[in-house]
Protein backbone atom coordinates (compact mmCIF):
# COMPACT_ATOMS: atom_id res chain seq x y z
CA MET A 1 0.03 0.03 0.03
CA ASN A 2 1.35 3.31 -0.90
CA ALA A 3 1.90 6.05 1.58
CA VAL A 4 -0.37 9.00 1.43
CA ARG A 5 1.49 12.07 0.18
CA TYR A 6 0.35 15.45 1.96
CA PRO A 7 1.16 18.84 0.83
CA LYS A 8 4.25 20.54 2.40
CA GLU A 9 2.15 23.94 2.89
CA VAL A 10 -1.63 24.68 3.30
CA SER A 11 -2.79 28.35 3.02
CA LEU A 12 -5.69 29.10 5.41
CA VAL A 13 -8.61 31.24 4.66
CA GLU A 14 -9.82 32.88 7.87
CA VAL A 15 -13.47 33.25 7.66
CA GLY A 16 -14.54 34.19 11.30
CA PRO A 17 -14.72 37.98 10.78
CA ARG A 18 -17.39 37.37 7.99
CA ASP A 19 -18.99 33.93 7.76
CA GLY A 20 -18.45 33.38 11.39
CA LEU A 21 -19.77 36.63 12.80
CA GLN A 22 -22.73 36.94 10.41
CA ASN A 23 -24.12 33.72 12.04
CA GLU A 24 -23.56 34.71 15.49
CA SER A 25 -26.57 35.81 17.40
CA THR A 26 -24.66 38.41 19.67
CA PRO A 27 -23.50 41.31 17.44
CA LEU A 28 -19.74 42.28 17.80
CA GLN A 29 -19.00 46.03 18.10
CA THR A 30 -17.01 47.65 15.28
CA ASP A 31 -13.81 48.09 17.53
CA ASP A 32 -13.86 44.35 18.49
CA LYS A 33 -14.13 43.32 14.90
CA ILE A 34 -11.02 45.45 13.94
CA ALA A 35 -9.15 44.04 16.84
CA LEU A 36 -10.11 40.45 15.69
CA VAL A 37 -8.96 41.15 12.26
CA GLU A 38 -5.58 42.54 13.59
CA GLY A 39 -5.05 39.77 16.01
CA LEU A 40 -5.61 37.26 13.26
CA VAL A 41 -2.94 38.88 11.21
CA GLU A 42 -0.60 39.10 14.14
CA ALA A 43 -1.14 35.32 14.51
CA GLY A 44 0.08 34.58 11.13
CA LEU A 45 -3.26 34.36 9.01
CA ARG A 46 -2.55 35.84 5.45
CA TYR A 47 -5.98 35.75 3.97
CA ILE A 48 -8.87 37.23 6.11
CA GLU A 49 -12.62 37.60 5.18
CA THR A 50 -13.06 40.91 6.58
CA GLY A 51 -16.57 41.65 5.86
CA SER A 52 -19.45 41.55 3.63
CA PHE A 53 -21.23 44.05 1.28
CA VAL A 54 -24.66 42.70 1.10
CA ASN A 55 -27.83 44.63 1.98
CA PRO A 56 -27.69 45.29 5.74
CA ARG A 57 -31.32 44.32 5.96
CA TRP A 58 -30.54 40.74 5.00
CA ILE A 59 -27.45 40.46 7.28
CA PRO A 60 -27.41 43.27 9.79
CA GLN A 61 -24.25 41.81 11.57
CA MET A 62 -22.23 42.91 8.62
CA ALA A 63 -23.81 46.62 8.30
CA ASP A 64 -20.43 48.07 9.56
CA SER A 65 -18.05 46.26 7.08
CA SER A 66 -17.05 49.50 5.40
CA ASP A 67 -16.02 51.04 8.74
CA VAL A 68 -14.09 47.78 9.47
CA PHE A 69 -12.26 48.06 6.23
CA HIS A 70 -11.33 51.72 6.51
CA ARG A 71 -10.11 51.54 10.04
CA ILE A 72 -8.06 48.13 10.23
CA ALA A 73 -4.25 48.53 10.15
CA ARG A 74 -3.29 46.85 6.95
CA ALA A 75 -0.25 44.63 6.93
CA PRO A 76 1.60 43.87 3.89
CA SER A 77 1.03 40.64 2.13
CA VAL A 78 -2.33 40.03 3.47
CA THR A 79 -5.58 39.72 1.64
CA TYR A 80 -8.50 41.52 3.06
CA ALA A 81 -11.55 40.04 1.17
CA ALA A 82 -15.14 40.84 0.89
CA LEU A 83 -18.29 39.01 -0.01
CA THR A 84 -19.93 41.06 -2.85
CA PRO A 85 -23.24 39.50 -4.22
CA ASN A 86 -23.94 42.24 -6.82
CA LEU A 87 -22.23 45.22 -8.56
CA LYS A 88 -23.53 47.67 -6.01
CA GLY A 89 -21.69 45.45 -3.30
CA PHE A 90 -18.56 45.31 -5.38
CA GLU A 91 -18.39 49.16 -5.70
CA ARG A 92 -18.95 49.42 -1.90
CA ALA A 93 -16.06 46.93 -1.29
CA MET A 94 -13.71 48.85 -3.64
CA ALA A 95 -14.56 52.09 -2.01
CA ALA A 96 -13.74 50.43 1.41
CA GLY A 97 -10.33 48.98 -0.01
CA ALA A 98 -11.19 45.29 -0.19
CA SER A 99 -8.09 43.48 -1.61
CA GLU A 100 -10.22 40.82 -3.23
CA VAL A 101 -13.94 39.84 -3.58
CA ALA A 102 -16.03 36.68 -3.68
CA VAL A 103 -19.21 35.64 -5.20
CA PHE A 104 -21.47 32.87 -3.99
CA ALA A 105 -23.60 30.17 -5.78
CA ALA A 106 -25.23 26.96 -4.64
CA ALA A 107 -25.15 23.31 -6.05
CA SER A 108 -28.81 22.94 -4.98
CA GLU A 109 -31.72 24.51 -6.88
CA SER A 110 -33.73 24.61 -3.71
CA PHE A 111 -31.29 26.33 -1.64
CA SER A 112 -30.68 28.71 -4.33
CA GLN A 113 -34.24 29.79 -4.68
CA ARG A 114 -34.78 29.97 -0.83
CA ASN A 115 -31.52 31.70 -0.07
CA ILE A 116 -31.18 34.14 -3.00
CA ASN A 117 -34.62 33.86 -4.70
CA CYS A 118 -33.40 32.78 -8.10
CA SER A 119 -32.20 29.55 -10.11
CA ILE A 120 -28.62 28.69 -10.03
CA SER A 121 -28.21 29.64 -13.76
CA GLU A 122 -29.67 32.96 -12.80
CA SER A 123 -27.45 33.55 -9.90
CA ILE A 124 -24.40 32.89 -12.26
CA GLU A 125 -25.82 35.48 -14.62
CA ARG A 126 -26.10 38.02 -11.94
CA PHE A 127 -22.27 37.83 -11.28
CA ARG A 128 -21.34 38.94 -14.68
CA PRO A 129 -21.37 42.63 -13.94
CA VAL A 130 -19.37 42.04 -10.97
CA MET A 131 -16.89 39.86 -12.84
CA ASP A 132 -16.61 42.61 -15.56
CA ALA A 133 -15.97 45.16 -13.08
CA ALA A 134 -13.38 43.27 -11.24
CA ASP A 135 -11.58 42.57 -14.51
CA THR A 136 -11.45 46.16 -15.35
CA ALA A 137 -10.25 46.97 -11.84
CA GLY A 138 -7.71 44.13 -11.73
CA ILE A 139 -9.32 42.58 -8.59
CA ALA A 140 -9.24 38.85 -8.01
CA VAL A 141 -12.74 37.01 -7.49
CA ARG A 142 -13.02 33.83 -5.45
CA GLY A 143 -16.11 31.81 -5.88
CA TYR A 144 -18.19 29.85 -3.32
CA VAL A 145 -20.38 26.96 -3.86
CA SER A 146 -23.06 26.03 -0.99
CA CYS A 147 -24.47 22.54 -0.31
CA VAL A 148 -21.69 20.56 -2.16
CA LEU A 149 -22.31 17.59 0.24
CA GLY A 150 -25.82 17.96 1.22
CA CYS A 151 -28.95 20.32 1.32
CA PRO A 152 -31.35 21.14 3.94
CA TYR A 153 -34.05 20.83 1.42
CA GLU A 154 -32.93 18.26 -1.08
CA GLY A 155 -30.75 15.95 0.95
CA ASP A 156 -27.57 14.42 -0.81
CA ILE A 157 -26.26 16.60 -3.80
CA LYS A 158 -24.70 14.75 -6.68
CA PRO A 159 -21.12 15.46 -7.63
CA ALA A 160 -22.06 15.87 -11.23
CA ALA A 161 -24.25 18.92 -9.98
CA VAL A 162 -21.40 20.46 -7.95
CA LEU A 163 -18.96 20.10 -10.84
CA ALA A 164 -21.30 21.86 -13.29
CA VAL A 165 -21.50 24.95 -10.83
CA CYS A 166 -17.76 24.94 -10.24
CA GLN A 167 -17.11 24.98 -14.12
CA ASP A 168 -19.57 27.91 -14.52
CA LEU A 169 -17.86 30.08 -11.76
CA LEU A 170 -14.34 29.17 -13.15
CA ALA A 171 -15.43 29.93 -16.67
CA LEU A 172 -16.95 33.24 -15.47
CA GLY A 173 -13.44 34.28 -14.11
CA CYS A 174 -13.17 33.12 -10.46
CA TYR A 175 -9.61 31.92 -9.91
CA GLU A 176 -10.80 29.46 -7.32
CA VAL A 177 -13.90 27.80 -5.97
CA SER A 178 -14.33 27.01 -2.16
CA LEU A 179 -16.57 23.96 -1.85
CA GLY A 180 -19.07 24.42 1.06
CA ASP A 181 -20.46 21.72 3.10
CA THR A 182 -23.09 24.23 4.31
CA ILE A 183 -24.94 21.93 6.82
CA GLY A 184 -21.94 19.80 7.71
CA THR A 185 -23.51 16.43 6.82
CA GLY A 186 -20.73 15.32 4.48
CA THR A 187 -18.69 12.41 5.61
CA PRO A 188 -14.98 11.31 4.32
CA GLY A 189 -16.93 8.81 1.87
CA SER A 190 -18.94 11.61 0.36
CA MET A 191 -16.23 14.07 0.22
CA ASP A 192 -13.78 11.50 -1.39
CA ALA A 193 -16.63 10.72 -4.10
CA LEU A 194 -17.01 14.38 -4.62
CA LEU A 195 -13.30 15.08 -5.13
CA ASN A 196 -12.80 12.06 -7.20
CA THR A 197 -15.16 13.87 -9.78
CA LEU A 198 -14.01 17.45 -9.30
CA VAL A 199 -10.14 17.10 -8.86
CA PRO A 200 -9.54 15.24 -12.20
CA ALA A 201 -11.92 17.71 -14.08
CA LEU A 202 -10.70 21.01 -12.67
CA GLY A 203 -7.38 20.51 -10.89
CA ALA A 204 -6.84 20.66 -7.01
CA HIS A 205 -5.11 24.03 -7.25
CA LYS A 206 -8.52 25.51 -8.38
CA LEU A 207 -10.37 24.24 -5.32
CA ALA A 208 -10.70 25.00 -1.54
CA LEU A 209 -12.62 23.39 1.13
CA HIS A 210 -15.06 25.08 3.36
CA CYS A 211 -16.21 22.53 5.99
CA HIS A 212 -18.86 22.86 8.63
CA ASN A 213 -18.69 20.70 11.68
CA SER A 214 -22.31 20.32 12.21
CA TYR A 215 -21.89 16.39 12.61
CA GLY A 216 -18.31 16.36 13.85
CA GLN A 217 -17.04 15.31 10.51
CA ALA A 218 -15.04 18.48 9.40
CA LEU A 219 -11.32 17.53 10.07
CA ALA A 220 -11.96 14.12 8.57
CA ASN A 221 -13.29 15.77 5.50
CA ILE A 222 -10.43 18.19 5.27
CA LEU A 223 -8.06 15.23 5.74
CA ILE A 224 -9.66 13.67 2.64
CA GLY A 225 -9.18 16.97 0.70
CA LEU A 226 -5.45 17.11 1.76
CA GLN A 227 -5.18 13.59 0.37
CA HIS A 228 -6.46 14.84 -3.05
CA GLY A 229 -3.93 17.64 -3.14
CA ILE A 230 -6.13 20.40 -2.02
CA THR A 231 -3.98 23.20 -0.39
CA ARG A 232 -6.49 25.85 0.53
CA ILE A 233 -8.63 25.37 3.72
CA ASP A 234 -11.41 27.83 5.00
CA SER A 235 -11.74 27.91 8.64
CA SER A 236 -12.95 30.09 11.41
CA VAL A 237 -11.19 31.05 14.74
CA ALA A 238 -12.97 29.62 17.63
CA GLY A 239 -15.38 27.83 15.33
CA LEU A 240 -17.49 31.22 15.05
CA GLY A 241 -20.82 30.69 13.22
CA GLY A 242 -23.28 28.32 14.21
CA CYS A 243 -25.17 26.02 11.66
CA PRO A 244 -28.62 27.87 10.94
CA TYR A 245 -29.97 24.53 9.74
CA ALA A 246 -29.29 22.43 12.60
CA THR A 247 -30.21 23.93 15.88
CA GLY A 248 -27.49 24.09 18.54
CA ALA A 249 -25.10 22.57 16.10
CA SER A 250 -21.51 24.00 15.49
CA GLY A 251 -20.85 25.66 12.36
CA ASN A 252 -17.58 26.52 10.68
CA VAL A 253 -14.57 24.23 11.61
CA ALA A 254 -12.39 26.10 14.17
CA SER A 255 -9.06 27.33 12.79
CA GLU A 256 -7.25 26.25 15.88
CA ASP A 257 -8.24 22.51 15.33
CA VAL A 258 -7.22 22.75 11.69
CA VAL A 259 -3.82 24.15 12.39
CA TYR A 260 -3.21 21.59 15.12
CA MET A 261 -4.05 18.83 12.68
CA LEU A 262 -1.85 20.33 9.94
CA GLN A 263 1.09 20.86 12.36
CA GLY A 264 0.71 17.06 13.21
CA LEU A 265 0.91 16.21 9.78
CA GLY A 266 4.21 18.33 9.31
CA ILE A 267 2.30 20.71 6.92
CA GLU A 268 3.35 24.48 7.24
CA THR A 269 0.90 26.99 7.78
CA GLY A 270 2.74 30.13 9.02
CA VAL A 271 0.27 30.44 11.81
CA ASP A 272 1.18 30.70 15.50
CA LEU A 273 -1.31 28.22 17.12
CA ASP A 274 -0.83 29.74 20.72
CA ALA A 275 -1.54 33.27 19.52
CA LEU A 276 -4.47 32.01 17.48
CA ILE A 277 -6.20 30.32 20.60
CA ALA A 278 -5.63 33.63 22.44
CA VAL A 279 -7.46 35.74 19.66
CA GLY A 280 -10.19 32.92 19.67
CA GLU A 281 -10.48 33.35 23.59
CA SER A 282 -10.76 37.18 23.41
CA VAL A 283 -13.32 37.30 20.75
CA CYS A 284 -15.29 34.41 22.49
CA LYS A 285 -15.35 36.42 25.92
CA LYS A 286 -16.63 39.57 23.94
CA LEU A 287 -19.45 37.49 22.56
CA GLY A 288 -20.20 35.75 25.79
CA ARG A 289 -19.99 32.39 24.42
CA ASP A 290 -17.64 29.32 24.67
CA SER A 291 -15.07 28.40 21.83
CA GLN A 292 -16.07 25.78 19.57
CA SER A 293 -12.37 24.73 19.17
CA ALA A 294 -11.43 21.27 20.92
CA VAL A 295 -7.89 22.47 20.83
CA ALA A 296 -8.58 25.65 22.69
CA LYS A 297 -10.83 23.85 25.11
CA ALA A 298 -8.01 21.09 25.79
CA ARG A 299 -5.38 24.03 26.26
CA GLY A 300 -7.81 25.40 29.06
CA GLY A 301 -9.56 27.99 26.94
C-alpha cells in the first residue's frame, strides 16, 4: 500500500470575521471586529474574510463592514477579502479598500431559490457585471459553492451538479472555487466521491474546502481533501458561526483545530497556534460564548 503524500504547505482562509460573525446571534462591536482582524493577522493568517457588502437588511451583523475595512491597520502581504453578491456590493467593497472579493452560488436549486430567490443559472448571470467590473479593476474574484455534500431541502447532492456550478464559476473568471459543506452532513466517503469527480476535471489548485462541523466530520473531510492535493482550507477562529439549519450545532470548523491537525502532519501554515488560541478566547469573551475549538478547550481556554 502506497503511503499518502500530503502537501508541504497549506494556505488558510480565515472566515471568522465574515462568515463566522454573520451567523452569531450576539453582535460584535466595530472596534472589536477590528481587533479580531488585526489579531488574526498577528497570529500569522494571511487571508482574512474581513466583511460582507450585502444589503444590511439581510445581514445586519455586516452593516459596519465599510468601517472595519477603513479602520483596520493594513499589513503587507495580507489579503483582506469581502463578499460581494452584486455590482453595488462590489463598488462598496472597492470604496472600502477590499483586496479581493467573492461571489457565491449553490449546488442545490432549492437552496438557491430559498437563499437568494433565483435559480443557479440566474445567480451565475447576476455575477457577470461583478466579474466585468473586477476584471477592469484588476481585482481577483473567489467563488463559493454552497451545499456541495448536502442540502437542507434536497438531501444529498450529486457530484455532477457540483462540478457544473464550479465549471460555470471558473469560466466566469473566478480563480478558485471554495466547496462549502453548508450543513456539515458530509462524511469522508461523500467528500472522497465528490473530489474523485472534481479534482480530475478541474485540478486541485482550483479548489478549496469550506467544511462545517455540524456532525463532527469537518477535520476528517479536510484530511480527505489534503489527500486529493487541496492546499486551501477555509476555517473560522474559535469555530465562530453556528449552523442555521441544525439548531444548536456548531458551524464552521475551528481554525485552531485545523492548524493543530496540519502541524501534526508536518504541514506548514505560517500560523502561531498559541496566538490564534488567544485571539479566539478574546473574541469569545466579547461574544459571551464558549469556543467551539476542541484544541482551545484542551489547552484550558
